Amino acid sequence: MMRVAVVGAGIVGLSTAFALRRRGADVTVLESGPPGGGQSAGRGRIFRHAHADPRLVAQVVRSRSLWREWEDDLGVELVAPDGAVAIGDGVGSKLETLAQFPDAPARPLSRDELRERLPLLADYDGPAMLDVHGGAIRTRAAITALTDRLARAVEADHVLAVRRLDDGSVEIRTGTSSRAYDHVVLCAGRGTAALAGAVGMELPVELGAHVRLTFEVVHGPDGPGGPLPTFQDGSGAFGETGVYASPYPGSGHLAVGLSGHTPARPDGAVERPDELAALADRTVAYVRRALPGLRPDPVDHVHCWVTALPWGEDGVGIWSEDGVSAVAGHNLFKQAPVLGDALATTALTGSIPDDWSHTAELGRGE
């Protein structure tokens, strides 16, 4: 039985371990904090199919199918069935791309239907669309279900060093142990590039910090209404582009973020903390203008790291060499099932599946 260590228990690390265990590997997951407490933090993410790179659309379609399989296997809803709404001039090109994928139905929304589906939005009369099989990912449900299924495979310890041994195995030194494995998969968020660099793999990760705010839904005379879709605003009609929003379970709260981030140094220090505060202030101002169905005083903040690759906002890639694999990219939650499957294949066969190698630059043009 092949012994594989996965460093990091965010959604990608847990997905990788889940896929490895399904294939009969002996898996250990090493995580210094609570599972899902790093870049996977928060209670919701957007599942959407629309991307500029058709190769990424194809992978996301596969991922949506795997999310459904997980729901059946784990016995919990993981993606809400309420759709993903997008507005702005980019809607036409998104619909054109998605028309190539019958398993990712999408259609334009009229002004009236947009108001019906997203009643907390201010008046808007521009291009709008519905990604029918999109929706809010139940992030905590996914993290909890995967952690429970993996059970004692998840160990609370921090990884200090990774090195290759002469016998072909790979050693991991943690705070309390030194063990060798047949393969090591690095899914450690902002720590991945440093660990990979120590074994000779250079990952061109651009590190930054991002803020996402949560607001209470109060639209309508009787408070919150029915289920809400996720929302992306690329229109500029309300003073910002690249805005995203995802409802919490029950649709009583909406998490809202701007696409921007503030740079961070390789050591993890935020270069200009005032810019992070400014992003939060801009988010509040946007909510006041665009989402009058929300109470504009945020009830919580999520601060997280951005690990972007130079070829695209949603770029993703896998590196693998001599018993060590690493993954990097941004906006990976929706891709977790298919990405975990690709990483498991890489670990067990030594070959990165088509399109997932960093040389393919999957997600180019985002």
Protein backbone atom coordinates (compact mmCIF):
# COMPACT_ATOMS: atom_id res chain seq x y z
CA MET A 1 0.00 0.00 0.00
CA MET A 2 1.41 3.37 -1.03
CA ARG A 3 2.02 5.80 1.85
CA VAL A 4 1.17 9.40 0.97
CA ALA A 5 1.33 12.52 3.14
CA VAL A 6 -0.83 15.52 2.32
CA VAL A 7 0.37 18.79 3.84
CA GLY A 8 -2.61 21.04 4.49
CA ALA A 9 -6.20 20.31 5.47
CA GLY A 10 -7.96 23.00 3.49
CA ILE A 11 -10.54 21.93 0.94
CA VAL A 12 -7.92 20.92 -1.65
CA GLY A 13 -5.84 18.90 0.82
CA LEU A 14 -8.91 17.12 2.19
CA SER A 15 -10.19 16.45 -1.34
CA THR A 16 -6.83 14.98 -2.29
CA ALA A 17 -6.72 12.75 0.78
CA PHE A 18 -10.32 11.64 0.14
CA ALA A 19 -9.48 10.66 -3.45
CA LEU A 20 -6.29 8.89 -2.35
CA ARG A 21 -8.09 6.87 0.31
CA ARG A 22 -10.79 5.86 -2.18
CA ARG A 23 -7.98 4.43 -4.33
CA GLY A 24 -6.52 2.42 -1.49
CA ALA A 25 -3.59 4.60 -0.40
CA ASP A 26 -2.45 4.93 3.20
CA VAL A 27 -2.97 8.66 3.76
CA THR A 28 -1.81 11.06 6.46
CA VAL A 29 -2.99 14.70 6.44
CA LEU A 30 -0.83 17.18 8.38
CA GLU A 31 -2.39 20.49 9.42
CA SER A 32 -1.15 22.99 12.00
CA GLY A 33 -4.57 24.52 12.67
CA PRO A 34 -8.21 23.46 12.44
CA PRO A 35 -9.17 21.91 9.09
CA GLY A 36 -10.44 24.56 6.70
CA GLY A 37 -9.13 27.38 8.86
CA GLY A 38 -6.79 28.99 6.31
CA GLN A 39 -7.69 30.01 2.77
CA SER A 40 -10.77 27.76 3.00
CA ALA A 41 -12.20 29.81 5.88
CA GLY A 42 -15.71 31.22 5.78
CA ARG A 43 -19.18 29.76 5.35
CA GLY A 44 -19.73 30.09 1.64
CA ARG A 45 -18.08 30.15 -1.79
CA ILE A 46 -19.41 30.59 -5.30
CA PHE A 47 -19.74 27.64 -7.61
CA ARG A 48 -19.81 28.97 -11.16
CA HIS A 49 -19.07 27.48 -14.55
CA ALA A 50 -18.24 30.62 -16.52
CA HIS A 51 -14.53 31.16 -17.17
CA ALA A 52 -12.59 32.65 -20.06
CA ASP A 53 -10.53 29.47 -20.57
CA PRO A 54 -12.77 26.71 -22.03
CA ARG A 55 -10.39 24.07 -20.62
CA LEU A 56 -11.17 25.34 -17.13
CA VAL A 57 -14.90 25.31 -17.88
CA ALA A 58 -14.57 21.63 -18.82
CA GLN A 59 -12.81 20.87 -15.52
CA VAL A 60 -15.42 22.80 -13.53
CA VAL A 61 -18.20 20.83 -15.25
CA ARG A 62 -16.46 17.64 -14.09
CA SER A 63 -16.11 19.12 -10.62
CA ARG A 64 -19.84 19.87 -10.43
CA SER A 65 -20.55 16.22 -11.19
CA LEU A 66 -18.15 15.15 -8.43
CA TRP A 67 -19.78 17.52 -5.93
CA ARG A 68 -23.05 15.67 -6.62
CA GLU A 69 -21.32 12.32 -6.07
CA TRP A 70 -19.93 13.61 -2.78
CA GLU A 71 -23.42 14.70 -1.70
CA ASP A 72 -24.70 11.17 -2.27
CA ASP A 73 -21.70 9.57 -0.55
CA LEU A 74 -21.40 11.96 2.40
CA GLY A 75 -25.14 12.48 2.89
CA VAL A 76 -25.12 16.28 3.03
CA GLU A 77 -25.95 19.16 0.68
CA LEU A 78 -22.71 20.71 -0.54
CA VAL A 79 -23.82 23.07 -3.34
CA ALA A 80 -27.10 24.95 -2.96
CA PRO A 81 -29.44 24.50 -5.97
CA ASP A 82 -30.23 28.21 -6.31
CA GLY A 83 -28.04 29.19 -9.25
CA ALA A 84 -25.37 31.81 -9.86
CA VAL A 85 -26.33 35.26 -11.15
CA ALA A 86 -23.89 37.52 -12.97
CA ILE A 87 -24.36 41.03 -14.35
CA GLY A 88 -22.27 43.27 -16.58
CA ASP A 89 -21.00 43.57 -20.14
CA GLY A 90 -19.13 40.27 -19.86
CA VAL A 91 -22.38 38.30 -19.72
CA GLY A 92 -22.55 37.86 -23.50
CA SER A 93 -19.12 36.25 -23.78
CA LYS A 94 -19.81 34.02 -20.78
CA LEU A 95 -23.04 32.76 -22.34
CA GLU A 96 -21.26 32.16 -25.63
CA THR A 97 -18.57 30.07 -23.93
CA LEU A 98 -21.02 28.09 -21.83
CA ALA A 99 -23.12 27.29 -24.90
CA GLN A 100 -20.37 24.78 -25.79
CA PHE A 101 -21.11 22.80 -22.59
CA PRO A 102 -24.57 21.16 -22.44
CA ASP A 103 -23.98 20.12 -18.80
CA ALA A 104 -23.57 23.78 -17.76
CA PRO A 105 -26.87 25.39 -18.84
CA ALA A 106 -27.01 29.18 -18.64
CA ARG A 107 -29.41 31.80 -19.97
CA PRO A 108 -30.00 35.56 -19.98
CA LEU A 109 -32.18 37.13 -17.29
CA SER A 110 -34.69 39.86 -17.94
CA ARG A 111 -34.86 42.85 -15.64
CA ASP A 112 -37.97 41.46 -13.94
CA GLU A 113 -36.52 37.99 -13.44
CA LEU A 114 -33.31 39.44 -12.05
CA ARG A 115 -35.35 41.42 -9.52
CA GLU A 116 -37.32 38.28 -8.63
CA ARG A 117 -34.22 36.14 -8.10
CA LEU A 118 -32.13 38.81 -6.40
CA PRO A 119 -34.58 41.21 -4.69
CA LEU A 120 -31.89 42.76 -2.51
CA LEU A 121 -30.17 44.31 -5.58
CA ALA A 122 -30.73 47.98 -6.44
CA ASP A 123 -32.41 48.79 -9.74
CA TYR A 124 -30.34 47.52 -12.67
CA ASP A 125 -31.23 47.31 -16.34
CA GLY A 126 -28.12 45.89 -18.02
CA PRO A 127 -27.00 42.43 -19.17
CA ALA A 128 -27.65 39.66 -16.65
CA MET A 129 -27.48 35.86 -16.69
CA LEU A 130 -28.23 32.77 -14.66
CA ASP A 131 -25.80 29.85 -14.39
CA VAL A 132 -28.49 27.26 -13.65
CA HIS A 133 -26.33 24.67 -11.91
CA GLY A 134 -24.23 27.20 -10.05
CA GLY A 135 -24.85 28.09 -6.43
CA ALA A 136 -23.36 28.61 -2.99
CA ILE A 137 -20.90 25.96 -1.81
CA ARG A 138 -21.62 24.90 1.77
CA THR A 139 -18.01 25.25 2.83
CA ARG A 140 -18.30 24.23 6.48
CA ALA A 141 -20.45 21.23 5.58
CA ALA A 142 -17.83 20.12 3.04
CA ILE A 143 -14.88 20.55 5.42
CA THR A 144 -16.69 18.81 8.28
CA ALA A 145 -17.91 15.88 6.17
CA LEU A 146 -14.50 15.24 4.61
CA THR A 147 -12.69 15.56 7.96
CA ASP A 148 -15.13 13.12 9.57
CA ARG A 149 -14.72 10.63 6.72
CA LEU A 150 -10.92 10.82 6.92
CA ALA A 151 -11.12 10.54 10.74
CA ARG A 152 -7.75 9.77 12.33
CA ALA A 153 -5.84 10.38 9.10
CA VAL A 154 -5.87 14.11 9.94
CA GLU A 155 -3.10 14.99 12.39
CA ALA A 156 -2.57 18.33 14.13
CA ASP A 157 1.09 19.18 13.59
CA HIS A 158 3.14 21.76 11.71
CA VAL A 159 5.54 20.83 8.93
CA LEU A 160 9.00 22.35 9.19
CA ALA A 161 10.83 20.65 6.35
CA VAL A 162 10.48 18.26 3.43
CA ARG A 163 13.44 16.46 1.83
CA ARG A 164 14.07 13.58 -0.54
CA LEU A 165 15.99 10.56 0.77
CA ASP A 166 18.47 8.37 -1.07
CA ASP A 167 16.10 5.39 -1.07
CA GLY A 168 13.51 7.33 -3.11
CA SER A 169 11.20 8.14 -0.22
CA VAL A 170 10.41 11.63 1.03
CA GLU A 171 10.93 12.71 4.62
CA ILE A 172 8.70 15.15 6.48
CA ARG A 173 9.87 16.72 9.72
CA THR A 174 7.07 18.14 11.85
CA GLY A 175 7.03 19.69 15.28
CA THR A 176 6.87 16.25 16.91
CA SER A 177 8.00 13.66 14.37
CA SER A 178 10.19 12.63 11.45
CA ARG A 179 8.60 10.19 8.99
CA ALA A 180 9.20 8.99 5.44
CA TYR A 181 6.53 8.55 2.76
CA ASP A 182 6.35 7.26 -0.78
CA HIS A 183 4.93 10.57 -1.96
CA VAL A 184 4.18 13.99 -0.45
CA VAL A 185 1.50 16.37 -1.76
CA LEU A 186 1.85 20.03 -0.77
CA CYS A 187 -1.54 21.78 -0.41
CA ALA A 188 -0.45 24.27 2.24
CA GLY A 189 -1.79 27.52 0.83
CA ARG A 190 0.70 30.34 1.24
CA GLY A 191 3.18 27.86 2.77
CA THR A 192 3.28 25.68 -0.35
CA ALA A 193 5.79 27.73 -2.35
CA ALA A 194 8.34 27.79 0.48
CA LEU A 195 8.13 24.05 1.13
CA ALA A 196 8.31 23.29 -2.60
CA GLY A 197 11.25 25.64 -3.07
CA ALA A 198 13.26 23.70 -0.50
CA VAL A 199 13.11 20.62 -2.76
CA GLY A 200 13.92 22.51 -5.93
CA MET A 201 10.46 23.34 -7.30
CA GLU A 202 9.95 27.04 -7.94
CA LEU A 203 6.32 28.14 -7.84
CA PRO A 204 5.65 31.68 -9.16
CA VAL A 205 3.06 32.46 -6.52
CA GLU A 206 2.06 36.10 -6.03
CA LEU A 207 1.04 36.47 -2.39
CA GLY A 208 -1.59 38.94 -1.24
CA ALA A 209 -4.22 39.54 1.42
CA HIS A 210 -7.97 39.82 0.87
CA VAL A 211 -11.01 40.72 2.95
CA ARG A 212 -14.59 39.46 2.70
CA LEU A 213 -17.42 40.95 4.79
CA THR A 214 -20.70 39.39 5.89
CA PHE A 215 -23.95 41.38 5.98
CA GLU A 216 -27.41 40.58 7.33
CA VAL A 217 -30.18 40.19 4.73
CA VAL A 218 -33.20 42.38 5.53
CA HIS A 219 -34.89 42.83 2.13
CA GLY A 220 -38.67 43.01 2.03
CA PRO A 221 -41.16 44.25 4.65
CA ASP A 222 -41.05 40.92 6.50
CA GLY A 223 -37.29 40.44 6.49
CA PRO A 224 -35.38 37.82 4.48
CA GLY A 225 -37.29 36.06 1.75
CA GLY A 226 -36.54 32.78 0.02
CA PRO A 227 -33.28 31.20 -1.17
CA LEU A 228 -30.75 33.46 -2.88
CA PRO A 229 -28.36 32.76 -5.76
CA THR A 230 -24.72 33.69 -5.67
CA PHE A 231 -23.91 36.99 -7.35
CA GLN A 232 -21.11 38.48 -9.44
CA ASP A 233 -21.10 42.11 -10.55
CA GLY A 234 -18.76 43.07 -13.36
CA SER A 235 -20.94 45.94 -14.53
CA GLY A 236 -19.41 48.98 -12.87
CA ALA A 237 -22.96 50.30 -12.52
CA PHE A 238 -22.54 50.66 -8.77
CA GLY A 239 -18.97 51.96 -8.73
CA GLU A 240 -17.07 48.65 -8.56
CA THR A 241 -16.30 45.74 -10.88
CA GLY A 242 -15.28 42.22 -9.93
CA VAL A 243 -17.65 42.06 -6.94
CA TYR A 244 -18.79 38.65 -5.70
CA ALA A 245 -21.35 37.58 -3.08
CA SER A 246 -22.42 34.26 -1.63
CA PRO A 247 -25.35 33.55 0.71
CA TYR A 248 -24.93 31.60 3.92
CA PRO A 249 -27.14 28.56 4.53
CA GLY A 250 -30.65 29.84 5.17
CA SER A 251 -29.98 33.00 3.10
CA GLY A 252 -30.06 35.20 6.19
CA HIS A 253 -26.57 36.54 5.53
CA LEU A 254 -24.54 37.39 2.44
CA ALA A 255 -20.74 37.39 2.24
CA VAL A 256 -19.50 40.13 -0.11
CA GLY A 257 -16.02 40.79 -1.42
CA LEU A 258 -14.20 42.85 -4.02
CA SER A 259 -11.81 41.13 -6.39
CA GLY A 260 -8.84 43.23 -5.31
CA HIS A 261 -6.19 42.36 -2.78
CA THR A 262 -3.21 44.04 -1.21
CA PRO A 263 0.28 42.65 -1.86
CA ALA A 264 2.18 40.70 0.76
CA ARG A 265 5.89 39.93 1.05
CA PRO A 266 7.14 36.33 0.64
CA ASP A 267 7.50 36.14 4.43
CA GLY A 268 3.74 36.73 4.74
CA ALA A 269 3.80 40.30 6.01
CA VAL A 270 1.13 42.54 4.47
CA GLU A 271 3.00 45.43 2.87
CA ARG A 272 0.29 48.06 3.33
CA PRO A 273 -2.31 47.15 5.99
CA ASP A 274 -4.15 50.40 5.28
CA GLU A 275 -5.04 49.03 1.83
CA LEU A 276 -6.72 46.03 3.46
CA ALA A 277 -8.79 48.38 5.60
CA ALA A 278 -9.60 50.43 2.49
CA LEU A 279 -10.89 47.32 0.71
CA ALA A 280 -13.24 46.70 3.62
CA ASP A 281 -14.46 50.31 3.51
CA ARG A 282 -15.06 50.09 -0.25
CA THR A 283 -17.03 46.88 0.25
CA VAL A 284 -19.32 48.58 2.76
CA ALA A 285 -19.77 51.54 0.41
CA TYR A 286 -20.65 49.19 -2.45
CA VAL A 287 -23.27 47.42 -0.32
CA ARG A 288 -24.88 50.75 0.50
CA ARG A 289 -25.15 51.61 -3.21
CA ALA A 290 -25.86 48.26 -4.82
CA LEU A 291 -27.48 46.00 -2.22
CA PRO A 292 -30.11 47.95 -0.28
CA GLY A 293 -31.60 44.64 0.83
CA LEU A 294 -28.64 44.20 3.20
CA ARG A 295 -28.04 45.89 6.52
CA PRO A 296 -24.85 47.83 5.67
CA ASP A 297 -23.05 47.19 8.95
CA PRO A 298 -20.89 44.05 8.56
CA VAL A 299 -21.42 41.34 11.16
CA ASP A 300 -18.04 39.70 10.57
CA HIS A 301 -14.85 39.80 8.53
CA VAL A 302 -12.90 37.01 6.86
CA HIS A 303 -9.28 37.88 6.07
CA CYS A 304 -7.48 35.38 3.86
CA TRP A 305 -4.40 34.94 1.72
CA VAL A 306 -4.44 35.13 -2.05
CA THR A 307 -2.00 32.81 -3.83
CA ALA A 308 -2.31 33.86 -7.45
CA LEU A 309 -0.37 32.63 -10.46
CA PRO A 310 0.82 35.07 -13.12
CA TRP A 311 -1.21 33.68 -16.03
CA GLY A 312 -4.72 34.32 -14.68
CA GLU A 313 -6.97 35.36 -11.84
CA ASP A 314 -8.32 31.81 -11.66
CA GLY A 315 -5.07 30.20 -12.79
CA VAL A 316 -4.12 26.84 -11.28
CA GLY A 317 -1.26 24.41 -11.78
CA ILE A 318 0.34 21.25 -10.43
CA TRP A 319 4.09 20.71 -10.09
CA SER A 320 5.52 17.23 -9.50
CA GLU A 321 9.04 15.85 -9.31
CA ASP A 322 10.71 12.87 -7.61
CA GLY A 323 8.07 12.02 -5.04
CA VAL A 324 6.83 15.54 -4.27
CA SER A 325 3.80 17.26 -5.82
CA ALA A 326 2.54 20.77 -5.18
CA VAL A 327 -0.50 22.76 -6.22
CA ALA A 328 -0.98 26.52 -6.44
CA GLY A 329 -3.70 28.83 -7.66
CA HIS A 330 -6.54 31.10 -6.65
CA ASN A 331 -10.31 30.52 -6.32
CA LEU A 332 -9.84 26.78 -6.00
CA PHE A 333 -12.76 25.81 -3.74
CA LYS A 334 -15.17 25.04 -6.58
CA GLN A 335 -12.53 22.91 -8.31
CA ALA A 336 -11.62 20.94 -5.18
CA PRO A 337 -13.16 17.56 -6.11
CA VAL A 338 -11.61 17.40 -9.59
CA LEU A 339 -8.35 18.98 -8.45
CA GLY A 340 -8.07 16.51 -5.56
CA ASP A 341 -8.65 13.71 -8.05
CA ALA A 342 -5.88 15.08 -10.31
CA LEU A 343 -3.46 15.35 -7.38
CA ALA A 344 -4.27 11.80 -6.28
CA THR A 345 -3.55 10.55 -9.81
CA THR A 346 -0.27 12.46 -9.81
CA ALA A 347 0.81 10.98 -6.47
CA LEU A 348 -0.09 7.40 -7.38
CA THR A 349 1.17 7.33 -10.98
CA GLY A 350 3.86 10.00 -11.09
CA SER A 351 2.10 11.62 -14.06
CA ILE A 352 0.13 14.88 -13.97
CA PRO A 353 -3.22 14.60 -15.82
CA ASP A 354 -3.67 16.65 -18.98
CA ASP A 355 -4.27 20.39 -18.50
CA TRP A 356 -3.34 20.35 -14.80
CA SER A 357 0.42 20.71 -15.25
CA HIS A 358 1.63 24.25 -14.57
CA THR A 359 3.09 24.25 -18.09
CA ALA A 360 -0.48 24.16 -19.49
CA GLU A 361 -1.34 27.41 -17.68
CA LEU A 362 -4.91 26.33 -16.99
CA GLY A 363 -7.12 29.35 -16.36
CA ARG A 364 -5.19 31.63 -18.70
CA GLY A 365 -6.95 34.86 -19.56
CA GLU A 366 -9.09 35.16 -16.40
